[in-house]
C-alpha cells in the first residue's frame, strides 16, 4: 500500500506522531480516504523510571517485543468523491490533531502502550526472541 507522509509532529512526551495518507482510488471517481497515525515507541528504561520491578523486566520485554513497538490507528472513509478527497483528508488530520494528539502526548502513553503490548505477548504465549 502506498504511503505518503503528510506531517511529523514532535509530542511533548518525546515521541513523534506521523500522519500518513494511505488513500487509494477504488472506482473511477471514488476514493477510500485513509489517514494512518503512527508512533514508534522505543523500549527503554526511562519510560519506567522509579519502577524497579518494570525496569527488571526490560530485558524480557525487548526479548519478546524487540527494541521498539509501533502504535498505529487508522481512520477511513469510503466512497469519497474525487473532488472531496483532499478536503476529507484534511478534516481527518484536524480531528486527530485536536482530539487524539493530547492523548498521544500524555506522559504515560509510551509506558502504557509498551505494557499493553508486553501483556498481550505473554497472554498469547509468544515465544521469546533470540537475542
Protein backbone atom coordinates (compact mmCIF):
# COMPACT_ATOMS: atom_id res chain seq x y z
CA UNK A 1 0.00 0.00 0.00
CA UNK A 2 1.31 3.44 -0.89
CA UNK A 3 2.16 5.72 1.99
CA UNK A 4 2.56 9.47 1.81
CA UNK A 5 3.86 11.16 4.96
CA UNK A 6 1.74 14.26 5.46
CA UNK A 7 3.09 15.54 8.74
CA UNK A 8 5.52 14.65 11.52
CA UNK A 9 4.64 16.08 14.94
CA UNK A 10 7.04 16.11 17.88
CA UNK A 11 4.99 15.43 21.01
CA UNK A 12 5.64 16.83 24.48
CA UNK A 13 6.47 13.36 25.81
CA UNK A 14 9.37 12.92 23.36
CA UNK A 15 7.52 10.70 20.89
CA UNK A 16 6.91 11.52 17.24
CA UNK A 17 3.46 11.25 15.68
CA UNK A 18 3.43 10.60 11.96
CA UNK A 19 0.30 11.28 9.93
CA UNK A 20 0.31 9.22 6.76
CA UNK A 21 -2.03 9.31 3.77
CA UNK A 22 -2.85 5.79 2.60
CA UNK A 23 -5.78 6.79 0.40
CA UNK A 24 -6.44 4.95 -2.82
CA UNK A 25 -8.81 5.12 -5.73
CA UNK A 26 -11.49 2.40 -5.62
CA UNK A 27 -13.64 3.41 -8.60
CA UNK A 28 -13.45 5.85 -11.50
CA UNK A 29 -14.36 8.86 -9.35
CA UNK A 30 -14.36 7.41 -5.81
CA UNK A 31 -11.68 7.04 -3.18
CA UNK A 32 -11.13 5.24 0.05
CA UNK A 33 -9.59 8.03 2.13
CA UNK A 34 -7.29 6.63 4.81
CA UNK A 35 -5.27 8.50 7.42
CA UNK A 36 -2.82 6.43 9.43
CA UNK A 37 -1.48 7.75 12.74
CA UNK A 38 1.80 6.07 13.65
CA UNK A 39 4.07 6.37 16.67
CA UNK A 40 7.21 4.30 17.15
CA UNK A 41 7.96 3.75 20.83
CA UNK A 42 11.48 2.68 21.78
CA UNK A 43 11.54 0.23 24.69
CA UNK A 44 13.92 1.97 27.05
CA UNK A 45 14.26 2.26 30.82
CA UNK A 46 13.32 5.95 31.02
CA UNK A 47 9.64 5.09 30.38
CA UNK A 48 9.72 3.09 33.64
CA UNK A 49 11.75 5.45 35.81
CA UNK A 50 11.11 4.86 39.50
CA UNK A 51 9.58 1.40 38.98
CA UNK A 52 12.32 -1.13 39.74
CA UNK A 53 10.03 -4.10 39.04
CA UNK A 54 9.35 -2.96 35.47
CA UNK A 55 12.96 -1.98 34.88
CA UNK A 56 13.98 -5.51 35.93
CA UNK A 57 11.64 -6.87 33.21
CA UNK A 58 13.15 -4.68 30.49
CA UNK A 59 15.30 -7.48 29.05
CA UNK A 60 12.29 -9.79 28.83
CA UNK A 61 10.25 -7.01 27.19
CA UNK A 62 12.85 -6.44 24.50
CA UNK A 63 13.32 -10.19 24.02
CA UNK A 64 9.59 -10.57 23.36
CA UNK A 65 8.89 -7.31 21.53
CA UNK A 66 12.16 -6.14 20.05
CA UNK A 67 13.66 -2.74 20.72
CA UNK A 68 10.52 -0.82 19.73
CA UNK A 69 6.77 -1.21 19.39
CA UNK A 70 4.68 0.67 16.85
CA UNK A 71 1.31 2.19 17.63
CA UNK A 72 -0.97 2.60 14.62
CA UNK A 73 -4.51 3.88 14.33
CA UNK A 74 -6.33 4.08 11.02
CA UNK A 75 -9.23 6.38 10.17
CA UNK A 76 -11.02 5.66 6.90
CA UNK A 77 -13.88 6.99 4.82
CA UNK A 78 -15.23 5.01 1.88
CA UNK A 79 -16.61 6.11 -1.50
CA UNK A 80 -15.46 9.71 -1.21
CA UNK A 81 -15.92 11.70 -4.42
CA UNK A 82 -12.63 12.59 -6.11
CA UNK A 83 -13.19 16.33 -5.73
CA UNK A 84 -13.74 15.91 -1.95
CA UNK A 85 -10.78 13.61 -1.25
CA UNK A 86 -8.31 16.29 -0.11
CA UNK A 87 -10.92 18.07 1.99
CA UNK A 88 -11.91 14.85 3.78
CA UNK A 89 -8.26 14.01 4.41
CA UNK A 90 -7.64 17.47 5.92
CA UNK A 91 -10.71 17.05 8.16
CA UNK A 92 -9.38 13.72 9.39
CA UNK A 93 -5.97 15.24 10.03
CA UNK A 94 -7.52 18.10 12.01
CA UNK A 95 -9.59 15.67 14.05
CA UNK A 96 -6.51 13.63 15.00
CA UNK A 97 -4.58 16.75 15.96
CA UNK A 98 -7.41 18.19 18.05
CA UNK A 99 -8.82 15.05 19.64
CA UNK A 100 -6.11 12.40 19.76
CA UNK A 101 -2.83 14.30 19.87
CA UNK A 102 -3.30 15.22 23.56
CA UNK A 103 -3.80 11.51 24.34
CA UNK A 104 -0.69 10.51 22.37
CA UNK A 105 1.32 13.28 24.07
CA UNK A 106 0.40 12.17 27.60
CA UNK A 107 3.50 11.41 29.70
CA UNK A 108 2.30 7.84 30.35
CA UNK A 109 1.32 6.97 26.76
CA UNK A 110 4.60 5.18 25.89
CA UNK A 111 4.77 3.30 29.20
CA UNK A 112 1.17 2.13 28.97
CA UNK A 113 1.47 1.12 25.32
CA UNK A 114 4.62 -0.91 25.95
CA UNK A 115 2.99 -2.63 28.94
CA UNK A 116 -0.11 -3.44 26.86
CA UNK A 117 1.97 -5.00 24.08
CA UNK A 118 4.05 -6.89 26.65
CA UNK A 119 0.95 -8.26 28.38
CA UNK A 120 -0.51 -9.26 25.01
CA UNK A 121 2.68 -11.14 24.15
CA UNK A 122 2.55 -13.01 27.46
CA UNK A 123 -1.13 -13.96 27.02
CA UNK A 124 -0.52 -15.16 23.50
CA UNK A 125 2.37 -17.27 24.68
CA UNK A 126 4.64 -15.55 22.22
CA UNK A 127 7.98 -17.31 22.42
CA UNK A 128 10.89 -15.16 23.41
CA UNK A 129 13.01 -13.92 20.53
CA UNK A 130 16.62 -14.95 20.49
CA UNK A 131 18.98 -12.16 21.42
